[in-house]
Amino acid sequence: MPATASRIGFITQEYRTVTAGPDSTVDTKYGNLARNTDEPLPTFFDSIADAQAICTARHTLLKADRRRFTQQISGESFALGLAYQQTTPTVTVIDTERSANLPAAVVEIAVDFESETSTVTTWG
């Protein structure tokens, strides 16, 4: 890559800062739990656009309401039948006690052959 004046200027900058927010939704939900500093997160992107894309994606993940559920299912066939080699299995979690009716990704699968149960952890 040729050392053009713009490239030299880009490389010699100590920091290239991108932001997403401030967002009152994220601030209300997490306060200082996610980060207790205003210092930038160090990254190794060559492009400001790439850093902005990751920053925006992180903000989107923090902004959305996500919940984790663990379900115990009678029998091993449900967990053993999940096709997780090509894609992440998804389910719809319906829990009237927690006011949940939402799509979720299956993030953990455990099979107990002795008690003939499957435990599935979902996130969504």
C-alpha atoms as a PDB file:
ATOM      1  CA  MET A   1       0.000   0.000   0.000  1.00  0.00           C
ATOM      2  CA  PRO A   2       1.520   3.345  -0.964  1.00  0.00           C
ATOM      3  CA  ALA A   3       2.207   5.858   1.785  1.00  0.00           C
ATOM      4  CA  THR A   4      -0.108   8.642   0.655  1.00  0.00           C
ATOM      5  CA  ALA A   5      -0.522  11.784   2.706  1.00  0.00           C
ATOM      6  CA  SER A   6      -4.026  10.749   3.816  1.00  0.00           C
ATOM      7  CA  ARG A   7      -2.826   7.243   4.798  1.00  0.00           C
ATOM      8  CA  ILE A   8       0.064   8.665   6.821  1.00  0.00           C
ATOM      9  CA  GLY A   9      -2.328  11.054   8.553  1.00  0.00           C
ATOM     10  CA  PHE A  10      -4.700   8.190   9.334  1.00  0.00           C
ATOM     11  CA  ILE A  11      -1.993   5.926  10.772  1.00  0.00           C
ATOM     12  CA  THR A  12      -0.347   8.625  12.875  1.00  0.00           C
ATOM     13  CA  GLN A  13      -3.593   9.520  14.645  1.00  0.00           C
ATOM     14  CA  GLU A  14      -3.363   8.159  18.173  1.00  0.00           C
ATOM     15  CA  TYR A  15      -7.113   7.468  18.397  1.00  0.00           C
ATOM     16  CA  ARG A  16     -10.062   7.195  16.063  1.00  0.00           C
ATOM     17  CA  THR A  17     -13.175   7.401  18.196  1.00  0.00           C
ATOM     18  CA  VAL A  18     -16.687   6.337  17.221  1.00  0.00           C
ATOM     19  CA  THR A  19     -19.786   6.405  19.379  1.00  0.00           C
ATOM     20  CA  ALA A  20     -23.315   5.052  19.520  1.00  0.00           C
ATOM     21  CA  GLY A  21     -25.590   6.935  21.837  1.00  0.00           C
ATOM     22  CA  PRO A  22     -26.025   8.337  24.372  1.00  0.00           C
ATOM     23  CA  ASP A  23     -29.235   6.380  24.715  1.00  0.00           C
ATOM     24  CA  SER A  24     -31.498   6.905  27.713  1.00  0.00           C
ATOM     25  CA  THR A  25     -32.922   3.366  27.344  1.00  0.00           C
ATOM     26  CA  VAL A  26     -29.495   1.773  27.766  1.00  0.00           C
ATOM     27  CA  ASP A  27     -28.525   4.202  30.539  1.00  0.00           C
ATOM     28  CA  THR A  28     -31.733   3.447  32.459  1.00  0.00           C
ATOM     29  CA  LYS A  29     -31.376  -0.325  32.087  1.00  0.00           C
ATOM     30  CA  TYR A  30     -27.699  -0.668  32.946  1.00  0.00           C
ATOM     31  CA  GLY A  31     -26.391   2.558  34.448  1.00  0.00           C
ATOM     32  CA  ASN A  32     -22.695   1.964  35.090  1.00  0.00           C
ATOM     33  CA  LEU A  33     -22.992  -1.831  35.202  1.00  0.00           C
ATOM     34  CA  ALA A  34     -21.761  -2.393  31.660  1.00  0.00           C
ATOM     35  CA  ARG A  35     -18.882   0.083  31.901  1.00  0.00           C
ATOM     36  CA  ASN A  36     -17.702   2.200  34.774  1.00  0.00           C
ATOM     37  CA  THR A  37     -15.419   4.377  32.665  1.00  0.00           C
ATOM     38  CA  ASP A  38     -15.733   6.762  29.760  1.00  0.00           C
ATOM     39  CA  GLU A  39     -12.393   5.652  28.311  1.00  0.00           C
ATOM     40  CA  PRO A  40     -12.638   4.278  24.755  1.00  0.00           C
ATOM     41  CA  LEU A  41     -12.534   0.523  24.185  1.00  0.00           C
ATOM     42  CA  PRO A  42      -9.289  -0.348  22.398  1.00  0.00           C
ATOM     43  CA  THR A  43      -9.785  -2.025  19.023  1.00  0.00           C
ATOM     44  CA  PHE A  44      -7.596  -2.772  16.040  1.00  0.00           C
ATOM     45  CA  PHE A  45      -9.712  -1.672  13.084  1.00  0.00           C
ATOM     46  CA  ASP A  46      -8.079  -0.047  10.069  1.00  0.00           C
ATOM     47  CA  SER A  47     -11.298   1.657   9.073  1.00  0.00           C
ATOM     48  CA  ILE A  48     -13.508   4.022  11.035  1.00  0.00           C
ATOM     49  CA  ALA A  49     -16.507   2.501   9.232  1.00  0.00           C
ATOM     50  CA  ASP A  50     -15.616  -0.961  10.587  1.00  0.00           C
ATOM     51  CA  ALA A  51     -15.267   0.376  14.127  1.00  0.00           C
ATOM     52  CA  GLN A  52     -18.589   2.213  13.783  1.00  0.00           C
ATOM     53  CA  ALA A  53     -20.320  -0.976  12.573  1.00  0.00           C
ATOM     54  CA  ILE A  54     -19.137  -2.904  15.658  1.00  0.00           C
ATOM     55  CA  CYS A  55     -20.018   0.003  17.951  1.00  0.00           C
ATOM     56  CA  THR A  56     -23.524   0.176  16.500  1.00  0.00           C
ATOM     57  CA  ALA A  57     -23.960  -3.609  16.786  1.00  0.00           C
ATOM     58  CA  ARG A  58     -22.885  -3.520  20.451  1.00  0.00           C
ATOM     59  CA  HIS A  59     -25.332  -0.699  21.127  1.00  0.00           C
ATOM     60  CA  THR A  60     -28.142  -2.641  19.435  1.00  0.00           C
ATOM     61  CA  LEU A  61     -27.419  -5.670  21.632  1.00  0.00           C
ATOM     62  CA  LEU A  62     -27.472  -3.560  24.794  1.00  0.00           C
ATOM     63  CA  LYS A  63     -30.628  -1.700  23.799  1.00  0.00           C
ATOM     64  CA  ALA A  64     -32.826  -4.739  23.182  1.00  0.00           C
ATOM     65  CA  ASP A  65     -34.616  -6.509  26.028  1.00  0.00           C
ATOM     66  CA  ARG A  66     -33.179 -10.001  26.317  1.00  0.00           C
ATOM     67  CA  ARG A  67     -33.989 -12.688  28.840  1.00  0.00           C
ATOM     68  CA  ARG A  68     -32.513 -16.062  29.710  1.00  0.00           C
ATOM     69  CA  PHE A  69     -34.719 -19.052  30.445  1.00  0.00           C
ATOM     70  CA  THR A  70     -33.848 -22.595  31.457  1.00  0.00           C
ATOM     71  CA  GLN A  71     -36.393 -25.296  30.732  1.00  0.00           C
ATOM     72  CA  GLN A  72     -36.317 -28.903  31.877  1.00  0.00           C
ATOM     73  CA  ILE A  73     -38.056 -31.237  29.453  1.00  0.00           C
ATOM     74  CA  SER A  74     -39.116 -34.794  30.095  1.00  0.00           C
ATOM     75  CA  GLY A  75     -37.296 -37.208  27.788  1.00  0.00           C
ATOM     76  CA  GLU A  76     -34.058 -37.008  25.853  1.00  0.00           C
ATOM     77  CA  SER A  77     -35.539 -36.935  22.368  1.00  0.00           C
ATOM     78  CA  PHE A  78     -36.138 -33.164  22.217  1.00  0.00           C
ATOM     79  CA  ALA A  79     -32.527 -32.218  22.936  1.00  0.00           C
ATOM     80  CA  LEU A  80     -31.062 -35.030  20.865  1.00  0.00           C
ATOM     81  CA  GLY A  81     -33.304 -34.089  17.954  1.00  0.00           C
ATOM     82  CA  LEU A  82     -32.155 -30.462  17.728  1.00  0.00           C
ATOM     83  CA  ALA A  83     -30.231 -29.752  14.528  1.00  0.00           C
ATOM     84  CA  TYR A  84     -27.464 -27.434  15.702  1.00  0.00           C
ATOM     85  CA  GLN A  85     -24.672 -28.373  13.283  1.00  0.00           C
ATOM     86  CA  GLN A  86     -25.700 -25.900  10.549  1.00  0.00           C
ATOM     87  CA  THR A  87     -27.729 -23.247  12.385  1.00  0.00           C
ATOM     88  CA  THR A  88     -28.592 -22.187  15.903  1.00  0.00           C
ATOM     89  CA  PRO A  89     -31.926 -23.759  16.889  1.00  0.00           C
ATOM     90  CA  THR A  90     -34.649 -21.303  17.809  1.00  0.00           C
ATOM     91  CA  VAL A  91     -37.791 -21.806  19.868  1.00  0.00           C
ATOM     92  CA  THR A  92     -40.705 -19.753  21.123  1.00  0.00           C
ATOM     93  CA  VAL A  93     -40.657 -19.384  24.904  1.00  0.00           C
ATOM     94  CA  ILE A  94     -44.076 -18.995  26.510  1.00  0.00           C
ATOM     95  CA  ASP A  95     -44.039 -18.411  30.257  1.00  0.00           C
ATOM     96  CA  THR A  96     -47.196 -16.863  31.704  1.00  0.00           C
ATOM     97  CA  GLU A  97     -45.656 -16.406  35.168  1.00  0.00           C
ATOM     98  CA  ARG A  98     -42.929 -14.141  33.743  1.00  0.00           C
ATOM     99  CA  SER A  99     -45.076 -12.554  31.024  1.00  0.00           C
ATOM    100  CA  ALA A 100     -42.919 -14.016  28.270  1.00  0.00           C
ATOM    101  CA  ASN A 101     -43.971 -14.948  24.764  1.00  0.00           C
ATOM    102  CA  LEU A 102     -40.882 -14.452  22.629  1.00  0.00           C
ATOM    103  CA  PRO A 103     -38.583 -16.073  20.101  1.00  0.00           C
ATOM    104  CA  ALA A 104     -35.295 -17.271  21.571  1.00  0.00           C
ATOM    105  CA  ALA A 105     -32.084 -18.979  20.523  1.00  0.00           C
ATOM    106  CA  VAL A 106     -31.098 -22.250  22.159  1.00  0.00           C
ATOM    107  CA  VAL A 107     -27.712 -21.501  23.723  1.00  0.00           C
ATOM    108  CA  GLU A 108     -27.124 -24.546  25.906  1.00  0.00           C
ATOM    109  CA  ILE A 109     -28.277 -28.160  25.748  1.00  0.00           C
ATOM    110  CA  ALA A 110     -27.820 -30.813  28.441  1.00  0.00           C
ATOM    111  CA  VAL A 111     -29.122 -34.373  28.409  1.00  0.00           C
ATOM    112  CA  ASP A 112     -29.392 -36.448  31.571  1.00  0.00           C
ATOM    113  CA  PHE A 113     -29.815 -40.056  30.487  1.00  0.00           C
ATOM    114  CA  GLU A 114     -30.172 -41.309  34.047  1.00  0.00           C
ATOM    115  CA  SER A 115     -33.223 -39.176  34.852  1.00  0.00           C
ATOM    116  CA  GLU A 116     -34.382 -39.154  31.195  1.00  0.00           C
ATOM    117  CA  THR A 117     -34.592 -35.361  31.000  1.00  0.00           C
ATOM    118  CA  SER A 118     -33.281 -32.626  28.735  1.00  0.00           C
ATOM    119  CA  THR A 119     -32.334 -29.174  29.962  1.00  0.00           C
ATOM    120  CA  VAL A 120     -32.400 -26.384  27.412  1.00  0.00           C
ATOM    121  CA  THR A 121     -31.205 -22.840  28.081  1.00  0.00           C
ATOM    122  CA  THR A 122     -32.566 -20.147  25.774  1.00  0.00           C
ATOM    123  CA  TRP A 123     -31.720 -16.499  25.213  1.00  0.00           C
ATOM    124  CA  GLY A 124     -34.010 -14.076  23.507  1.00  0.00           C
END
